[in-house]
Amino acid sequence: MPAGPPGKHNAQAGGLGSVPALGRPERRAESLAVAGLQPFSSVDFPGRLAAVVFLQGCPWRCGYCHNPGLQSRGPGAGPRWPELRDWLARRVGRLDGVVFSGGEPSLDPALPDVLDELRAMGYALGLHTAGLAPRRLAVLLPRLDWVGLDIKAAPTDAALHDRITGRRGSVRAVRESLALLRSGSVDFECRSTVHPAWFTDADVLRLVSELSSVPRHVLQLARLPDASGTARAPIAWPSAALLAEARVIRPDLQLRAA
């Protein structure tokens, strides 16, 4: 999921209320739990200039989560869907797409209706998900153009996955979601947040190997607080030797900051 405190995104959404309303949306869409908005992003939806809408709520408790304020359930502190919808309607032609992040956006029951409204406007639609709700993902996929699937650990490493998410048996749903994406036609990439506090070099290589056949795989370096409380990526990890070994398995493996 994109980094950055939810409050920052909320502040960027200020002033949306000055946009004239374009009509009342469906009642289910109105309940969308918007936590914040990033008005413009060139990195969260590959190849497109997009707005990122953050939704409230996630049952997992990943130790490196960048948006812990979005974990609890609730309506979210961002703009309500009617005003956000009208703001997006004013930006058709200036933005290429809208991507939903979180939290875990696939859990919001209003999302299918919201996607339908945005599709009617002509937007390309993306989703950031941890794959924890494959049945909901199956409903969303026909409405989407791209998915960024967070893979916490190698799909066969249930123990490591449970340690990262804080939930037992959490990898089963991810396997189902990955299978849905592999068998479908929606473009997707897998992203894995890594840090030596959780991953050995062998864990990283196992992860890269098990995802070697997905269209794209990105390793994201977790930023954890140091003694001063500043969030920093690990120093000199992964090593050049580890990256070289990983790229023997997957030459196009990408590495970026989380």
C-alpha atoms as a PDB file:
ATOM      1  CA  MET A   1       0.000   0.000   0.000  1.00  0.00           C
ATOM      2  CA  PRO A   2       1.225   3.542  -0.609  1.00  0.00           C
ATOM      3  CA  ALA A   3       3.193   5.089   2.221  1.00  0.00           C
ATOM      4  CA  GLY A   4       2.195   8.264   3.989  1.00  0.00           C
ATOM      5  CA  PRO A   5       0.074   9.267   6.966  1.00  0.00           C
ATOM      6  CA  PRO A   6      -3.678   9.333   6.300  1.00  0.00           C
ATOM      7  CA  GLY A   7      -3.877  12.847   7.681  1.00  0.00           C
ATOM      8  CA  LYS A   8      -1.730  14.118   4.840  1.00  0.00           C
ATOM      9  CA  HIS A   9      -4.109  12.694   2.268  1.00  0.00           C
ATOM     10  CA  ASN A  10      -7.100  14.156   4.085  1.00  0.00           C
ATOM     11  CA  ALA A  11      -5.527  17.587   4.038  1.00  0.00           C
ATOM     12  CA  GLN A  12      -4.911  17.327   0.313  1.00  0.00           C
ATOM     13  CA  ALA A  13      -8.582  16.604  -0.183  1.00  0.00           C
ATOM     14  CA  GLY A  14      -9.568  19.943   1.340  1.00  0.00           C
ATOM     15  CA  GLY A  15     -11.888  22.152  -0.639  1.00  0.00           C
ATOM     16  CA  LEU A  16     -13.813  19.382  -2.334  1.00  0.00           C
ATOM     17  CA  GLY A  17     -17.042  20.765  -0.908  1.00  0.00           C
ATOM     18  CA  SER A  18     -16.856  23.748  -3.296  1.00  0.00           C
ATOM     19  CA  VAL A  19     -17.437  21.466  -6.289  1.00  0.00           C
ATOM     20  CA  PRO A  20     -21.082  21.539  -7.464  1.00  0.00           C
ATOM     21  CA  ALA A  21     -22.975  18.281  -7.000  1.00  0.00           C
ATOM     22  CA  LEU A  22     -23.744  16.262 -10.106  1.00  0.00           C
ATOM     23  CA  GLY A  23     -26.632  14.243  -8.686  1.00  0.00           C
ATOM     24  CA  ARG A  24     -27.234  11.726  -5.941  1.00  0.00           C
ATOM     25  CA  PRO A  25     -25.290   8.416  -6.216  1.00  0.00           C
ATOM     26  CA  GLU A  26     -26.687   5.023  -5.239  1.00  0.00           C
ATOM     27  CA  ARG A  27     -27.156   4.580  -1.500  1.00  0.00           C
ATOM     28  CA  ARG A  28     -24.548   1.817  -1.232  1.00  0.00           C
ATOM     29  CA  ALA A  29     -21.935   3.977  -2.944  1.00  0.00           C
ATOM     30  CA  GLU A  30     -22.629   6.776  -0.456  1.00  0.00           C
ATOM     31  CA  SER A  31     -21.421   4.564   2.398  1.00  0.00           C
ATOM     32  CA  LEU A  32     -17.880   4.215   0.990  1.00  0.00           C
ATOM     33  CA  ALA A  33     -15.496   4.565   3.970  1.00  0.00           C
ATOM     34  CA  VAL A  34     -13.063   7.105   2.549  1.00  0.00           C
ATOM     35  CA  ALA A  35     -10.079   7.691   4.827  1.00  0.00           C
ATOM     36  CA  GLY A  36      -8.131  10.043   2.588  1.00  0.00           C
ATOM     37  CA  LEU A  37      -7.146  11.111  -0.894  1.00  0.00           C
ATOM     38  CA  GLN A  38      -3.907  11.539  -2.799  1.00  0.00           C
ATOM     39  CA  PRO A  39      -5.036  13.749  -5.685  1.00  0.00           C
ATOM     40  CA  PHE A  40      -2.219  12.928  -8.112  1.00  0.00           C
ATOM     41  CA  SER A  41       0.155   9.972  -8.310  1.00  0.00           C
ATOM     42  CA  SER A  42       2.355   8.671 -11.112  1.00  0.00           C
ATOM     43  CA  VAL A  43       3.599   5.590  -9.222  1.00  0.00           C
ATOM     44  CA  ASP A  44       0.535   3.896  -7.700  1.00  0.00           C
ATOM     45  CA  PHE A  45      -1.094   2.821 -10.987  1.00  0.00           C
ATOM     46  CA  PRO A  46       1.592   1.815 -13.519  1.00  0.00           C
ATOM     47  CA  GLY A  47       1.531   3.870 -16.696  1.00  0.00           C
ATOM     48  CA  ARG A  48      -1.253   6.184 -15.540  1.00  0.00           C
ATOM     49  CA  LEU A  49      -1.665   9.478 -13.738  1.00  0.00           C
ATOM     50  CA  ALA A  50      -4.147   8.566 -11.038  1.00  0.00           C
ATOM     51  CA  ALA A  51      -5.877   9.700  -7.901  1.00  0.00           C
ATOM     52  CA  VAL A  52      -5.460   7.331  -4.953  1.00  0.00           C
ATOM     53  CA  VAL A  53      -8.465   6.880  -2.676  1.00  0.00           C
ATOM     54  CA  PHE A  54      -7.676   5.348   0.723  1.00  0.00           C
ATOM     55  CA  LEU A  55     -10.409   3.300   2.386  1.00  0.00           C
ATOM     56  CA  GLN A  56     -10.788   2.591   6.094  1.00  0.00           C
ATOM     57  CA  GLY A  57     -10.432  -0.819   7.718  1.00  0.00           C
ATOM     58  CA  CYS A  58      -8.106  -3.829   7.660  1.00  0.00           C
ATOM     59  CA  PRO A  59      -8.170  -6.926   9.915  1.00  0.00           C
ATOM     60  CA  TRP A  60      -4.452  -7.664   9.555  1.00  0.00           C
ATOM     61  CA  ARG A  61      -1.791  -6.108  11.769  1.00  0.00           C
ATOM     62  CA  CYS A  62       1.383  -6.154   9.700  1.00  0.00           C
ATOM     63  CA  GLY A  63       4.349  -4.929  11.726  1.00  0.00           C
ATOM     64  CA  TYR A  64       5.576  -2.601   8.981  1.00  0.00           C
ATOM     65  CA  CYS A  65       2.168  -1.095   8.093  1.00  0.00           C
ATOM     66  CA  HIS A  66       2.558   2.504   6.848  1.00  0.00           C
ATOM     67  CA  ASN A  67      -1.074   3.392   7.496  1.00  0.00           C
ATOM     68  CA  PRO A  68      -1.935   1.883  10.910  1.00  0.00           C
ATOM     69  CA  GLY A  69      -4.548   4.594  11.383  1.00  0.00           C
ATOM     70  CA  LEU A  70      -6.561   2.913   8.627  1.00  0.00           C
ATOM     71  CA  GLN A  71      -6.700  -0.487  10.346  1.00  0.00           C
ATOM     72  CA  SER A  72      -9.740   0.076  12.566  1.00  0.00           C
ATOM     73  CA  ARG A  73     -13.202  -0.156  11.048  1.00  0.00           C
ATOM     74  CA  GLY A  74     -15.330   2.932  10.694  1.00  0.00           C
ATOM     75  CA  PRO A  75     -16.563   5.539   8.228  1.00  0.00           C
ATOM     76  CA  GLY A  76     -13.119   7.066   7.651  1.00  0.00           C
ATOM     77  CA  ALA A  77     -12.123  10.707   8.073  1.00  0.00           C
ATOM     78  CA  GLY A  78     -11.917  11.596   4.376  1.00  0.00           C
ATOM     79  CA  PRO A  79     -14.462  13.255   2.106  1.00  0.00           C
ATOM     80  CA  ARG A  80     -17.788  11.485   1.658  1.00  0.00           C
ATOM     81  CA  TRP A  81     -18.330   9.712  -1.633  1.00  0.00           C
ATOM     82  CA  PRO A  82     -20.815  12.210  -3.155  1.00  0.00           C
ATOM     83  CA  GLU A  83     -18.345  15.103  -2.959  1.00  0.00           C
ATOM     84  CA  LEU A  84     -15.385  12.947  -3.925  1.00  0.00           C
ATOM     85  CA  ARG A  85     -17.322  11.558  -6.886  1.00  0.00           C
ATOM     86  CA  ASP A  86     -18.110  15.068  -8.086  1.00  0.00           C
ATOM     87  CA  TRP A  87     -14.485  16.117  -7.626  1.00  0.00           C
ATOM     88  CA  LEU A  88     -13.386  13.171  -9.772  1.00  0.00           C
ATOM     89  CA  ALA A  89     -16.019  13.989 -12.386  1.00  0.00           C
ATOM     90  CA  ARG A  90     -14.422  17.434 -12.755  1.00  0.00           C
ATOM     91  CA  ARG A  91     -11.044  15.802 -13.439  1.00  0.00           C
ATOM     92  CA  VAL A  92     -11.997  13.456 -16.242  1.00  0.00           C
ATOM     93  CA  GLY A  93      -9.393  14.039 -18.944  1.00  0.00           C
ATOM     94  CA  ARG A  94      -6.823  15.381 -16.471  1.00  0.00           C
ATOM     95  CA  LEU A  95      -6.521  12.081 -14.594  1.00  0.00           C
ATOM     96  CA  ASP A  96      -6.212   8.730 -16.346  1.00  0.00           C
ATOM     97  CA  GLY A  97      -7.364   6.528 -13.515  1.00  0.00           C
ATOM     98  CA  VAL A  98      -8.413   6.022  -9.926  1.00  0.00           C
ATOM     99  CA  VAL A  99      -6.795   3.434  -7.670  1.00  0.00           C
ATOM    100  CA  PHE A 100      -8.239   2.291  -4.348  1.00  0.00           C
ATOM    101  CA  SER A 101      -5.882   1.538  -1.476  1.00  0.00           C
ATOM    102  CA  GLY A 102      -6.118   1.297   2.281  1.00  0.00           C
ATOM    103  CA  GLY A 103      -6.532  -0.266   4.700  1.00  0.00           C
ATOM    104  CA  GLU A 104      -7.958  -3.169   2.730  1.00  0.00           C
ATOM    105  CA  PRO A 105     -10.275  -1.676   0.089  1.00  0.00           C
ATOM    106  CA  SER A 106     -11.723  -4.970  -1.145  1.00  0.00           C
ATOM    107  CA  LEU A 107     -13.638  -5.320   2.151  1.00  0.00           C
ATOM    108  CA  ASP A 108     -15.728  -2.182   1.610  1.00  0.00           C
ATOM    109  CA  PRO A 109     -19.198  -3.339   0.459  1.00  0.00           C
ATOM    110  CA  ALA A 110     -19.737  -0.044  -1.394  1.00  0.00           C
ATOM    111  CA  LEU A 111     -16.725  -0.467  -3.670  1.00  0.00           C
ATOM    112  CA  PRO A 112     -18.410  -2.368  -6.552  1.00  0.00           C
ATOM    113  CA  ASP A 113     -21.006   0.398  -6.965  1.00  0.00           C
ATOM    114  CA  VAL A 114     -18.347   3.086  -6.766  1.00  0.00           C
ATOM    115  CA  LEU A 115     -16.289   1.342  -9.435  1.00  0.00           C
ATOM    116  CA  ASP A 116     -19.348   1.173 -11.683  1.00  0.00           C
ATOM    117  CA  GLU A 117     -19.853   4.925 -11.334  1.00  0.00           C
ATOM    118  CA  LEU A 118     -16.226   5.666 -12.149  1.00  0.00           C
ATOM    119  CA  ARG A 119     -16.220   3.260 -15.082  1.00  0.00           C
ATOM    120  CA  ALA A 120     -19.200   5.147 -16.501  1.00  0.00           C
ATOM    121  CA  MET A 121     -17.120   8.350 -16.285  1.00  0.00           C
ATOM    122  CA  GLY A 122     -14.398   6.714 -18.379  1.00  0.00           C
ATOM    123  CA  TYR A 123     -11.753   6.148 -15.704  1.00  0.00           C
ATOM    124  CA  ALA A 124      -9.314   3.244 -15.687  1.00  0.00           C
ATOM    125  CA  LEU A 125      -9.569   1.532 -12.302  1.00  0.00           C
ATOM    126  CA  GLY A 126      -6.938  -0.006 -10.056  1.00  0.00           C
ATOM    127  CA  LEU A 127      -6.871  -1.758  -6.696  1.00  0.00           C
ATOM    128  CA  HIS A 128      -4.208  -2.296  -4.042  1.00  0.00           C
ATOM    129  CA  THR A 129      -5.067  -5.391  -2.029  1.00  0.00           C
ATOM    130  CA  ALA A 130      -3.472  -7.927   0.276  1.00  0.00           C
ATOM    131  CA  GLY A 131      -5.718 -10.599  -1.227  1.00  0.00           C
ATOM    132  CA  LEU A 132      -7.352 -11.420   2.091  1.00  0.00           C
ATOM    133  CA  ALA A 133     -10.888 -11.641   0.639  1.00  0.00           C
ATOM    134  CA  PRO A 134     -10.796 -13.687  -2.592  1.00  0.00           C
ATOM    135  CA  ARG A 135     -14.584 -13.857  -2.959  1.00  0.00           C
ATOM    136  CA  ARG A 136     -14.815 -10.092  -2.843  1.00  0.00           C
ATOM    137  CA  LEU A 137     -11.875  -9.799  -5.220  1.00  0.00           C
ATOM    138  CA  ALA A 138     -13.727 -12.055  -7.679  1.00  0.00           C
ATOM    139  CA  VAL A 139     -16.644  -9.593  -7.672  1.00  0.00           C
ATOM    140  CA  LEU A 140     -14.310  -6.637  -8.234  1.00  0.00           C
ATOM    141  CA  LEU A 141     -12.087  -8.076 -10.973  1.00  0.00           C
ATOM    142  CA  PRO A 142     -14.516  -7.576 -13.904  1.00  0.00           C
ATOM    143  CA  ARG A 143     -14.586  -3.883 -12.971  1.00  0.00           C
ATOM    144  CA  LEU A 144     -10.805  -3.417 -12.754  1.00  0.00           C
ATOM    145  CA  ASP A 145      -7.966  -2.712 -15.182  1.00  0.00           C
ATOM    146  CA  TRP A 146      -5.066  -3.406 -12.818  1.00  0.00           C
ATOM    147  CA  VAL A 147      -4.372  -4.943  -9.399  1.00  0.00           C
ATOM    148  CA  GLY A 148      -1.374  -4.544  -7.113  1.00  0.00           C
ATOM    149  CA  LEU A 149      -1.350  -7.674  -4.929  1.00  0.00           C
ATOM    150  CA  ASP A 150       0.665  -7.538  -1.715  1.00  0.00           C
ATOM    151  CA  ILE A 151       2.353 -10.877  -1.081  1.00  0.00           C
ATOM    152  CA  LYS A 152       3.675 -10.852   2.472  1.00  0.00           C
ATOM    153  CA  ALA A 153       5.835 -13.988   2.201  1.00  0.00           C
ATOM    154  CA  ALA A 154       6.352 -16.980  -0.063  1.00  0.00           C
ATOM    155  CA  PRO A 155       2.896 -18.516  -0.647  1.00  0.00           C
ATOM    156  CA  THR A 156       4.104 -21.842   0.789  1.00  0.00           C
ATOM    157  CA  ASP A 157       5.522 -20.215   3.936  1.00  0.00           C
ATOM    158  CA  ALA A 158       2.429 -20.028   6.126  1.00  0.00           C
ATOM    159  CA  ALA A 159       4.400 -19.538   9.346  1.00  0.00           C
ATOM    160  CA  LEU A 160       6.231 -16.419   8.128  1.00  0.00           C
ATOM    161  CA  HIS A 161       3.039 -15.032   6.630  1.00  0.00           C
ATOM    162  CA  ASP A 162       1.255 -15.437   9.976  1.00  0.00           C
ATOM    163  CA  ARG A 163       4.102 -13.712  11.842  1.00  0.00           C
ATOM    164  CA  ILE A 164       3.951 -10.704   9.529  1.00  0.00           C
ATOM    165  CA  THR A 165       0.160 -10.303   9.473  1.00  0.00           C
ATOM    166  CA  GLY A 166      -0.507 -11.250  13.078  1.00  0.00           C
ATOM    167  CA  ARG A 167      -3.274 -13.593  11.914  1.00  0.00           C
ATOM    168  CA  ARG A 168      -3.172 -17.401  11.813  1.00  0.00           C
ATOM    169  CA  GLY A 169      -3.958 -19.084   8.518  1.00  0.00           C
ATOM    170  CA  SER A 170      -3.811 -15.788   6.646  1.00  0.00           C
ATOM    171  CA  VAL A 171      -1.941 -17.136   3.628  1.00  0.00           C
ATOM    172  CA  ARG A 172      -4.776 -19.372   2.411  1.00  0.00           C
ATOM    173  CA  ALA A 173      -6.845 -16.456   1.165  1.00  0.00           C
ATOM    174  CA  VAL A 174      -3.805 -14.948  -0.534  1.00  0.00           C
ATOM    175  CA  ARG A 175      -3.187 -18.159  -2.455  1.00  0.00           C
ATOM    176  CA  GLU A 176      -6.787 -18.077  -3.695  1.00  0.00           C
ATOM    177  CA  SER A 177      -6.500 -14.431  -4.721  1.00  0.00           C
ATOM    178  CA  LEU A 178      -3.251 -15.072  -6.564  1.00  0.00           C
ATOM    179  CA  ALA A 179      -4.868 -18.003  -8.383  1.00  0.00           C
ATOM    180  CA  LEU A 180      -7.762 -15.745  -9.441  1.00  0.00           C
ATOM    181  CA  LEU A 181      -5.355 -13.228 -10.904  1.00  0.00           C
ATOM    182  CA  ARG A 182      -3.221 -15.855 -12.631  1.00  0.00           C
ATOM    183  CA  SER A 183      -6.275 -17.365 -14.328  1.00  0.00           C
ATOM    184  CA  GLY A 184      -7.874 -14.067 -15.300  1.00  0.00           C
ATOM    185  CA  SER A 185      -7.206 -11.314 -17.812  1.00  0.00           C
ATOM    186  CA  VAL A 186      -6.683  -8.325 -15.503  1.00  0.00           C
ATOM    187  CA  ASP A 187      -3.148  -6.914 -15.486  1.00  0.00           C
ATOM    188  CA  PHE A 188      -1.443  -7.250 -12.102  1.00  0.00           C
ATOM    189  CA  GLU A 189       1.815  -7.084 -10.222  1.00  0.00           C
ATOM    190  CA  CYS A 190       2.897  -8.622  -6.936  1.00  0.00           C
ATOM    191  CA  ARG A 191       4.616  -6.469  -4.314  1.00  0.00           C
ATOM    192  CA  SER A 192       6.429  -7.854  -1.267  1.00  0.00           C
ATOM    193  CA  THR A 193       7.593  -5.669   1.609  1.00  0.00           C
ATOM    194  CA  VAL A 194      10.793  -7.090   3.070  1.00  0.00           C
ATOM    195  CA  HIS A 195      13.101  -6.308   5.991  1.00  0.00           C
ATOM    196  CA  PRO A 196      15.815  -8.344   7.757  1.00  0.00           C
ATOM    197  CA  ALA A 197      13.741  -8.199  10.952  1.00  0.00           C
ATOM    198  CA  TRP A 198      11.428 -10.735   9.274  1.00  0.00           C
ATOM    199  CA  PHE A 199      13.277 -12.149   6.270  1.00  0.00           C
ATOM    200  CA  THR A 200      16.466 -14.152   6.012  1.00  0.00           C
ATOM    201  CA  ASP A 201      18.251 -14.203   2.675  1.00  0.00           C
ATOM    202  CA  ALA A 202      16.820 -17.684   2.119  1.00  0.00           C
ATOM    203  CA  ASP A 203      13.293 -16.342   2.751  1.00  0.00           C
ATOM    204  CA  VAL A 204      13.785 -13.674   0.103  1.00  0.00           C
ATOM    205  CA  LEU A 205      15.046 -16.164  -2.468  1.00  0.00           C
ATOM    206  CA  ARG A 206      12.159 -18.516  -1.731  1.00  0.00           C
ATOM    207  CA  LEU A 207       9.696 -15.666  -2.190  1.00  0.00           C
ATOM    208  CA  VAL A 208      11.232 -14.561  -5.501  1.00  0.00           C
ATOM    209  CA  SER A 209      11.343 -18.131  -6.757  1.00  0.00           C
ATOM    210  CA  GLU A 210       7.695 -18.854  -5.937  1.00  0.00           C
ATOM    211  CA  LEU A 211       6.571 -15.683  -7.717  1.00  0.00           C
ATOM    212  CA  SER A 212       8.914 -16.015 -10.688  1.00  0.00           C
ATOM    213  CA  SER A 213       6.046 -16.588 -13.134  1.00  0.00           C
ATOM    214  CA  VAL A 214       3.839 -13.601 -12.218  1.00  0.00           C
ATOM    215  CA  PRO A 215       3.896 -10.686 -14.698  1.00  0.00           C
ATOM    216  CA  ARG A 216       5.871  -8.366 -12.378  1.00  0.00           C
ATOM    217  CA  HIS A 217       7.313  -8.692  -8.888  1.00  0.00           C
ATOM    218  CA  VAL A 218       8.584  -5.789  -6.802  1.00  0.00           C
ATOM    219  CA  LEU A 219      10.484  -5.992  -3.518  1.00  0.00           C
ATOM    220  CA  GLN A 220       9.712  -3.032  -1.284  1.00  0.00           C
ATOM    221  CA  LEU A 221      12.077  -2.164   1.567  1.00  0.00           C
ATOM    222  CA  ALA A 222      10.183  -1.679   4.826  1.00  0.00           C
ATOM    223  CA  ARG A 223      10.973   1.440   6.798  1.00  0.00           C
ATOM    224  CA  LEU A 224      11.037   0.837  10.554  1.00  0.00           C
ATOM    225  CA  PRO A 225      11.651   3.353  13.371  1.00  0.00           C
ATOM    226  CA  ASP A 226      15.257   3.590  14.559  1.00  0.00           C
ATOM    227  CA  ALA A 227      16.406   4.673  18.045  1.00  0.00           C
ATOM    228  CA  SER A 228      15.411   8.269  17.267  1.00  0.00           C
ATOM    229  CA  GLY A 229      11.954   7.240  16.112  1.00  0.00           C
ATOM    230  CA  THR A 230      12.695   8.013  12.460  1.00  0.00           C
ATOM    231  CA  ALA A 231      11.434   5.427   9.979  1.00  0.00           C
ATOM    232  CA  ARG A 232      14.332   4.181   7.884  1.00  0.00           C
ATOM    233  CA  ALA A 233      14.959   1.432   5.355  1.00  0.00           C
ATOM    234  CA  PRO A 234      17.582  -1.173   6.318  1.00  0.00           C
ATOM    235  CA  ILE A 235      21.207  -0.226   5.629  1.00  0.00           C
ATOM    236  CA  ALA A 236      23.178  -2.432   3.211  1.00  0.00           C
ATOM    237  CA  TRP A 237      20.333  -4.931   2.900  1.00  0.00           C
ATOM    238  CA  PRO A 238      19.580  -6.693   0.721  1.00  0.00           C
ATOM    239  CA  SER A 239      23.222  -7.124  -0.149  1.00  0.00           C
ATOM    240  CA  ALA A 240      24.493  -6.889  -3.695  1.00  0.00           C
ATOM    241  CA  ALA A 241      25.145 -10.626  -3.589  1.00  0.00           C
ATOM    242  CA  LEU A 242      21.585 -11.404  -2.501  1.00  0.00           C
ATOM    243  CA  LEU A 243      20.127  -9.175  -5.218  1.00  0.00           C
ATOM    244  CA  ALA A 244      22.363 -10.784  -7.817  1.00  0.00           C
ATOM    245  CA  GLU A 245      21.216 -14.239  -6.743  1.00  0.00           C
ATOM    246  CA  ALA A 246      17.571 -13.143  -6.779  1.00  0.00           C
ATOM    247  CA  ARG A 247      17.964 -11.712 -10.273  1.00  0.00           C
ATOM    248  CA  VAL A 248      19.336 -15.004 -11.528  1.00  0.00           C
ATOM    249  CA  ILE A 249      15.901 -16.369 -10.606  1.00  0.00           C
ATOM    250  CA  ARG A 250      14.059 -13.318 -11.948  1.00  0.00           C
ATOM    251  CA  PRO A 251      16.131 -10.895 -14.063  1.00  0.00           C
ATOM    252  CA  ASP A 252      13.449  -8.170 -14.089  1.00  0.00           C
ATOM    253  CA  LEU A 253      12.985  -8.128 -10.287  1.00  0.00           C
ATOM    254  CA  GLN A 254      12.451  -4.565  -9.089  1.00  0.00           C
ATOM    255  CA  LEU A 255      13.556  -3.041  -5.796  1.00  0.00           C
ATOM    256  CA  ARG A 256      12.048   0.139  -4.362  1.00  0.00           C
ATOM    257  CA  ALA A 257      11.332   1.890  -1.098  1.00  0.00           C
ATOM    258  CA  ALA A 258       8.024   0.982   0.518  1.00  0.00           C
END
